[in-house]
């Protein structure tokens, strides 16, 4: 195995450089950009590797549509004509599976396998390990989970027909925070304009929000919600359920 320091230096010039962050703070990679870094010149050959990785997801019963997101891009040809080309938005773990199915004889593939394995492991933690963390470390860990959770929730909300995401998310906050919107919570916490309320919560409060997020996503899918009003009502109801559970445990965040 290559030395970690060597791998990290290589990452700074490759995998991290092509990483993107969406509006919800979730990271992703474009397959065509990853293809170049992994030294594949032919899309058809690289897509075969992607399909192998997707098969691994299918075998683990994980929803591949949340990990390999189909996107189309405009590409200019030599004659300046624009055509649509296929691409994917990939999660970190999806990139790891692609690297695992690549040509391990290539040095860059071996580096990618190690890099994505290390970074994926950094996002996982056992219950015992969690109990040993400081409050700041727990808060940072829970914040990463809520960021990922919100990304998944947004995908479920899109499938449920949500267009107004401010309304949708505020429905959940209102349920959990006794009628308060995100702006109300920010004002109560004394935050600056556009400062993220989730970045200013302790680990327990973040855990409560993560529970709201994951349970809402599950409910939207289970009930096959197909309109914005029902999605907002569902989010609000879940928020109230979580609030009641917290109240019974002797805690209150609003």
Protein backbone atom coordinates (compact mmCIF):
# COMPACT_ATOMS: atom_id res chain seq x y z
CA UNK A 1 0.00 0.00 0.00
CA UNK A 2 1.22 3.50 -0.74
CA UNK A 3 2.13 5.74 2.16
CA UNK A 4 -0.82 7.81 3.37
CA UNK A 5 1.12 11.06 3.01
CA UNK A 6 1.92 10.27 -0.62
CA UNK A 7 -1.73 9.44 -1.27
CA UNK A 8 -2.95 12.64 0.40
CA UNK A 9 -0.54 14.77 -1.68
CA UNK A 10 -1.76 13.08 -4.83
CA UNK A 11 -5.37 13.64 -3.83
CA UNK A 12 -4.85 17.36 -3.48
CA UNK A 13 -3.99 17.49 -7.17
CA UNK A 14 -6.59 15.03 -8.41
CA UNK A 15 -9.65 13.69 -6.60
CA UNK A 16 -10.24 16.72 -4.38
CA UNK A 17 -9.68 19.10 -7.29
CA UNK A 18 -12.54 17.56 -9.26
CA UNK A 19 -14.90 17.31 -6.28
CA UNK A 20 -18.05 19.45 -6.42
CA UNK A 21 -20.29 20.67 -3.60
CA UNK A 22 -24.00 21.18 -4.27
CA UNK A 23 -26.29 23.83 -2.76
CA UNK A 24 -27.02 21.58 0.22
CA UNK A 25 -23.36 21.01 1.07
CA UNK A 26 -23.20 17.48 -0.33
CA UNK A 27 -20.12 16.43 -2.27
CA UNK A 28 -20.15 14.70 -5.63
CA UNK A 29 -17.96 13.89 -8.62
CA UNK A 30 -18.78 13.89 -12.34
CA UNK A 31 -18.03 10.57 -14.00
CA UNK A 32 -16.45 12.13 -17.09
CA UNK A 33 -14.05 14.16 -14.95
CA UNK A 34 -13.20 11.09 -12.87
CA UNK A 35 -12.66 9.15 -16.10
CA UNK A 36 -9.85 11.52 -17.13
CA UNK A 37 -8.20 11.35 -13.72
CA UNK A 38 -8.33 7.56 -13.81
CA UNK A 39 -6.66 7.71 -17.23
CA UNK A 40 -9.50 6.32 -19.33
CA UNK A 41 -9.80 7.93 -22.75
CA UNK A 42 -12.91 6.14 -24.00
CA UNK A 43 -16.34 6.79 -22.43
CA UNK A 44 -17.79 3.47 -23.58
CA UNK A 45 -15.02 1.55 -21.82
CA UNK A 46 -15.33 3.64 -18.68
CA UNK A 47 -19.11 3.21 -18.61
CA UNK A 48 -18.54 -0.55 -18.49
CA UNK A 49 -16.66 0.03 -15.22
CA UNK A 50 -19.53 2.18 -13.96
CA UNK A 51 -22.02 -0.56 -14.78
CA UNK A 52 -19.94 -3.08 -12.83
CA UNK A 53 -19.96 -0.72 -9.86
CA UNK A 54 -23.73 -0.28 -10.17
CA UNK A 55 -24.13 -4.06 -10.17
CA UNK A 56 -22.27 -4.18 -6.86
CA UNK A 57 -24.83 -1.71 -5.47
CA UNK A 58 -27.69 -3.84 -6.74
CA UNK A 59 -26.26 -6.86 -4.98
CA UNK A 60 -26.14 -4.93 -1.70
CA UNK A 61 -29.76 -3.78 -2.11
CA UNK A 62 -28.76 -0.10 -1.99
CA UNK A 63 -30.69 2.39 -4.11
CA UNK A 64 -28.28 3.06 -6.97
CA UNK A 65 -30.31 6.05 -8.21
CA UNK A 66 -29.17 7.99 -5.14
CA UNK A 67 -25.50 7.14 -5.77
CA UNK A 68 -25.23 7.22 -9.59
CA UNK A 69 -27.38 10.14 -10.71
CA UNK A 70 -27.93 10.38 -14.48
CA UNK A 71 -27.19 13.83 -15.91
CA UNK A 72 -26.90 15.15 -19.44
CA UNK A 73 -24.41 17.81 -20.49
CA UNK A 74 -23.96 19.97 -23.56
CA UNK A 75 -20.67 19.33 -25.32
CA UNK A 76 -19.16 21.30 -28.22
CA UNK A 77 -17.90 19.43 -31.25
CA UNK A 78 -15.10 20.56 -33.56
CA UNK A 79 -17.61 22.37 -35.77
CA UNK A 80 -18.99 24.21 -32.71
CA UNK A 81 -22.18 22.14 -32.81
CA UNK A 82 -23.56 21.33 -29.37
CA UNK A 83 -24.73 17.81 -28.52
CA UNK A 84 -26.04 16.22 -25.34
CA UNK A 85 -23.69 13.69 -23.78
CA UNK A 86 -24.36 11.29 -20.92
CA UNK A 87 -22.73 11.74 -17.52
CA UNK A 88 -23.25 10.79 -13.87
CA UNK A 89 -23.08 12.61 -10.56
CA UNK A 90 -21.33 10.19 -8.21
CA UNK A 91 -21.17 9.93 -4.43
CA UNK A 92 -17.86 9.23 -2.74
CA UNK A 93 -18.78 5.59 -2.22
CA UNK A 94 -19.84 5.27 -5.86
CA UNK A 95 -16.37 6.53 -6.84
CA UNK A 96 -14.86 3.96 -4.50
CA UNK A 97 -16.79 1.14 -6.20
CA UNK A 98 -15.75 2.41 -9.63
CA UNK A 99 -12.11 2.39 -8.52
CA UNK A 100 -12.56 -1.11 -7.14
CA UNK A 101 -13.75 -2.28 -10.55
CA UNK A 102 -11.05 -0.46 -12.52
CA UNK A 103 -7.77 -1.76 -13.89
CA UNK A 104 -5.69 -2.27 -10.73
CA UNK A 105 -2.51 -2.44 -12.84
CA UNK A 106 -2.77 1.33 -13.20
CA UNK A 107 -1.05 3.20 -10.39
CA UNK A 108 -3.77 5.85 -10.37
CA UNK A 109 -6.47 3.18 -9.90
CA UNK A 110 -4.62 1.74 -6.91
CA UNK A 111 -4.31 5.24 -5.45
CA UNK A 112 -8.01 5.91 -6.07
CA UNK A 113 -8.99 2.66 -4.36
CA UNK A 114 -6.97 3.58 -1.28
CA UNK A 115 -8.05 7.22 -1.25
CA UNK A 116 -11.78 6.60 -1.53
CA UNK A 117 -11.58 3.71 0.96
CA UNK A 118 -9.84 5.94 3.52
CA UNK A 119 -12.18 8.87 3.00
CA UNK A 120 -15.28 6.66 3.13
CA UNK A 121 -14.07 5.09 6.37
CA UNK A 122 -13.55 8.55 7.86
CA UNK A 123 -17.29 9.11 7.49
CA UNK A 124 -18.14 5.93 9.36
CA UNK A 125 -17.85 5.43 13.09
CA UNK A 126 -18.91 2.82 15.62
CA UNK A 127 -21.10 3.51 18.63
CA UNK A 128 -18.13 2.92 20.93
CA UNK A 129 -15.93 5.30 18.97
CA UNK A 130 -18.72 7.91 19.00
CA UNK A 131 -18.98 7.77 22.79
CA UNK A 132 -15.30 8.70 23.07
CA UNK A 133 -15.62 11.84 20.96
CA UNK A 134 -15.64 15.33 22.41
CA UNK A 135 -18.80 17.42 22.03
CA UNK A 136 -17.21 19.37 19.17
CA UNK A 137 -16.27 16.13 17.43
CA UNK A 138 -19.77 14.72 17.92
CA UNK A 139 -21.28 17.93 16.56
CA UNK A 140 -19.02 17.79 13.50
CA UNK A 141 -19.90 14.14 12.91
CA UNK A 142 -23.65 14.73 13.28
CA UNK A 143 -23.43 17.77 11.00
CA UNK A 144 -21.93 15.61 8.25
CA UNK A 145 -24.74 13.09 8.69
CA UNK A 146 -27.45 15.77 8.51
CA UNK A 147 -25.85 17.19 5.37
CA UNK A 148 -25.96 13.78 3.71
CA UNK A 149 -29.43 13.17 5.09
CA UNK A 150 -30.77 16.41 3.67
CA UNK A 151 -29.39 15.51 0.27
CA UNK A 152 -31.28 12.18 0.33
CA UNK A 153 -34.40 13.90 1.66
CA UNK A 154 -34.28 16.44 -1.17
CA UNK A 155 -34.11 13.64 -3.73
CA UNK A 156 -37.16 12.00 -2.15
CA UNK A 157 -38.94 15.37 -2.07
CA UNK A 158 -38.25 15.94 -5.76
CA UNK A 159 -39.76 12.55 -6.53
CA UNK A 160 -42.75 13.51 -4.40
CA UNK A 161 -43.39 16.61 -6.52
CA UNK A 162 -41.89 19.29 -4.26
CA UNK A 163 -41.01 22.54 -6.04
CA UNK A 164 -40.88 25.03 -3.16
CA UNK A 165 -38.09 23.63 -0.98
CA UNK A 166 -38.13 26.53 1.50
CA UNK A 167 -41.76 25.72 2.25
CA UNK A 168 -41.02 21.99 2.45
CA UNK A 169 -38.09 22.34 4.88
CA UNK A 170 -39.87 24.95 6.97
CA UNK A 171 -42.79 22.53 7.36
CA UNK A 172 -40.42 20.15 9.12
CA UNK A 173 -38.85 22.87 11.23
CA UNK A 174 -42.28 24.14 12.27
CA UNK A 175 -43.21 20.68 13.48
CA UNK A 176 -40.02 20.17 15.47
CA UNK A 177 -39.66 23.76 16.72
CA UNK A 178 -43.25 24.51 17.71
CA UNK A 179 -44.12 26.69 14.70
CA UNK A 180 -40.73 28.29 14.12
CA UNK A 181 -39.35 28.57 10.59
CA UNK A 182 -35.64 28.39 9.76
CA UNK A 183 -35.49 32.21 9.87
CA UNK A 184 -37.20 32.24 13.28
CA UNK A 185 -34.69 29.74 14.63
CA UNK A 186 -31.78 31.76 13.22
CA UNK A 187 -33.09 34.95 14.86
CA UNK A 188 -33.58 33.18 18.19
CA UNK A 189 -30.00 31.89 18.03
CA UNK A 190 -28.73 35.36 17.11
CA UNK A 191 -27.20 34.23 13.81
CA UNK A 192 -25.99 36.46 11.00
CA UNK A 193 -27.76 36.69 7.66
CA UNK A 194 -27.45 33.46 5.65
CA UNK A 195 -25.65 31.69 8.51
CA UNK A 196 -26.77 28.04 8.51
CA UNK A 197 -28.78 27.07 11.60
CA UNK A 198 -27.54 23.48 11.37
CA UNK A 199 -23.97 24.73 11.71
CA UNK A 200 -24.97 26.26 15.04
CA UNK A 201 -26.53 23.29 16.84
CA UNK A 202 -25.12 20.92 19.43
CA UNK A 203 -24.79 17.21 18.73
CA UNK A 204 -28.10 16.27 20.41
CA UNK A 205 -30.09 18.88 18.52
CA UNK A 206 -28.46 17.80 15.27
CA UNK A 207 -29.34 14.18 16.08
CA UNK A 208 -32.97 15.19 16.57
CA UNK A 209 -32.98 16.91 13.19
CA UNK A 210 -31.31 13.91 11.58
CA UNK A 211 -34.09 11.70 12.95
CA UNK A 212 -36.67 14.13 11.49
CA UNK A 213 -34.88 14.05 8.14
CA UNK A 214 -34.47 10.29 7.84
CA UNK A 215 -38.00 9.49 9.04
CA UNK A 216 -39.53 12.02 6.62
CA UNK A 217 -37.57 10.56 3.71
CA UNK A 218 -38.74 7.07 4.66
CA UNK A 219 -42.37 8.18 5.03
CA UNK A 220 -42.40 9.96 1.66
CA UNK A 221 -41.16 6.81 -0.04
CA UNK A 222 -43.31 4.37 1.93
CA UNK A 223 -46.53 6.33 1.35
CA UNK A 224 -45.58 7.09 -2.26
CA UNK A 225 -46.34 10.77 -1.75
CA UNK A 226 -46.83 12.47 -5.11
CA UNK A 227 -47.71 16.11 -4.40
CA UNK A 228 -46.12 19.04 -2.61
CA UNK A 229 -48.92 19.65 -0.09
CA UNK A 230 -48.87 16.07 1.14
CA UNK A 231 -45.06 16.14 1.30
CA UNK A 232 -45.14 19.30 3.43
CA UNK A 233 -47.84 17.87 5.67
CA UNK A 234 -45.80 14.69 6.09
CA UNK A 235 -42.67 16.64 7.01
CA UNK A 236 -44.59 18.73 9.53
CA UNK A 237 -46.19 15.66 11.11
CA UNK A 238 -42.84 13.89 11.49
CA UNK A 239 -41.37 17.05 13.03
CA UNK A 240 -44.16 17.11 15.62
CA UNK A 241 -43.66 13.42 16.41
CA UNK A 242 -39.95 13.99 17.00
CA UNK A 243 -40.72 17.06 19.12
CA UNK A 244 -43.11 15.06 21.30
CA UNK A 245 -40.53 12.30 21.77
CA UNK A 246 -37.92 14.85 22.81
CA UNK A 247 -40.39 16.52 25.14
CA UNK A 248 -41.11 13.22 26.85
CA UNK A 249 -37.39 12.72 27.32
CA UNK A 250 -37.22 16.06 29.11
CA UNK A 251 -35.60 18.06 26.32
CA UNK A 252 -36.84 21.01 24.25
CA UNK A 253 -35.13 23.01 21.51
CA UNK A 254 -37.72 25.77 21.11
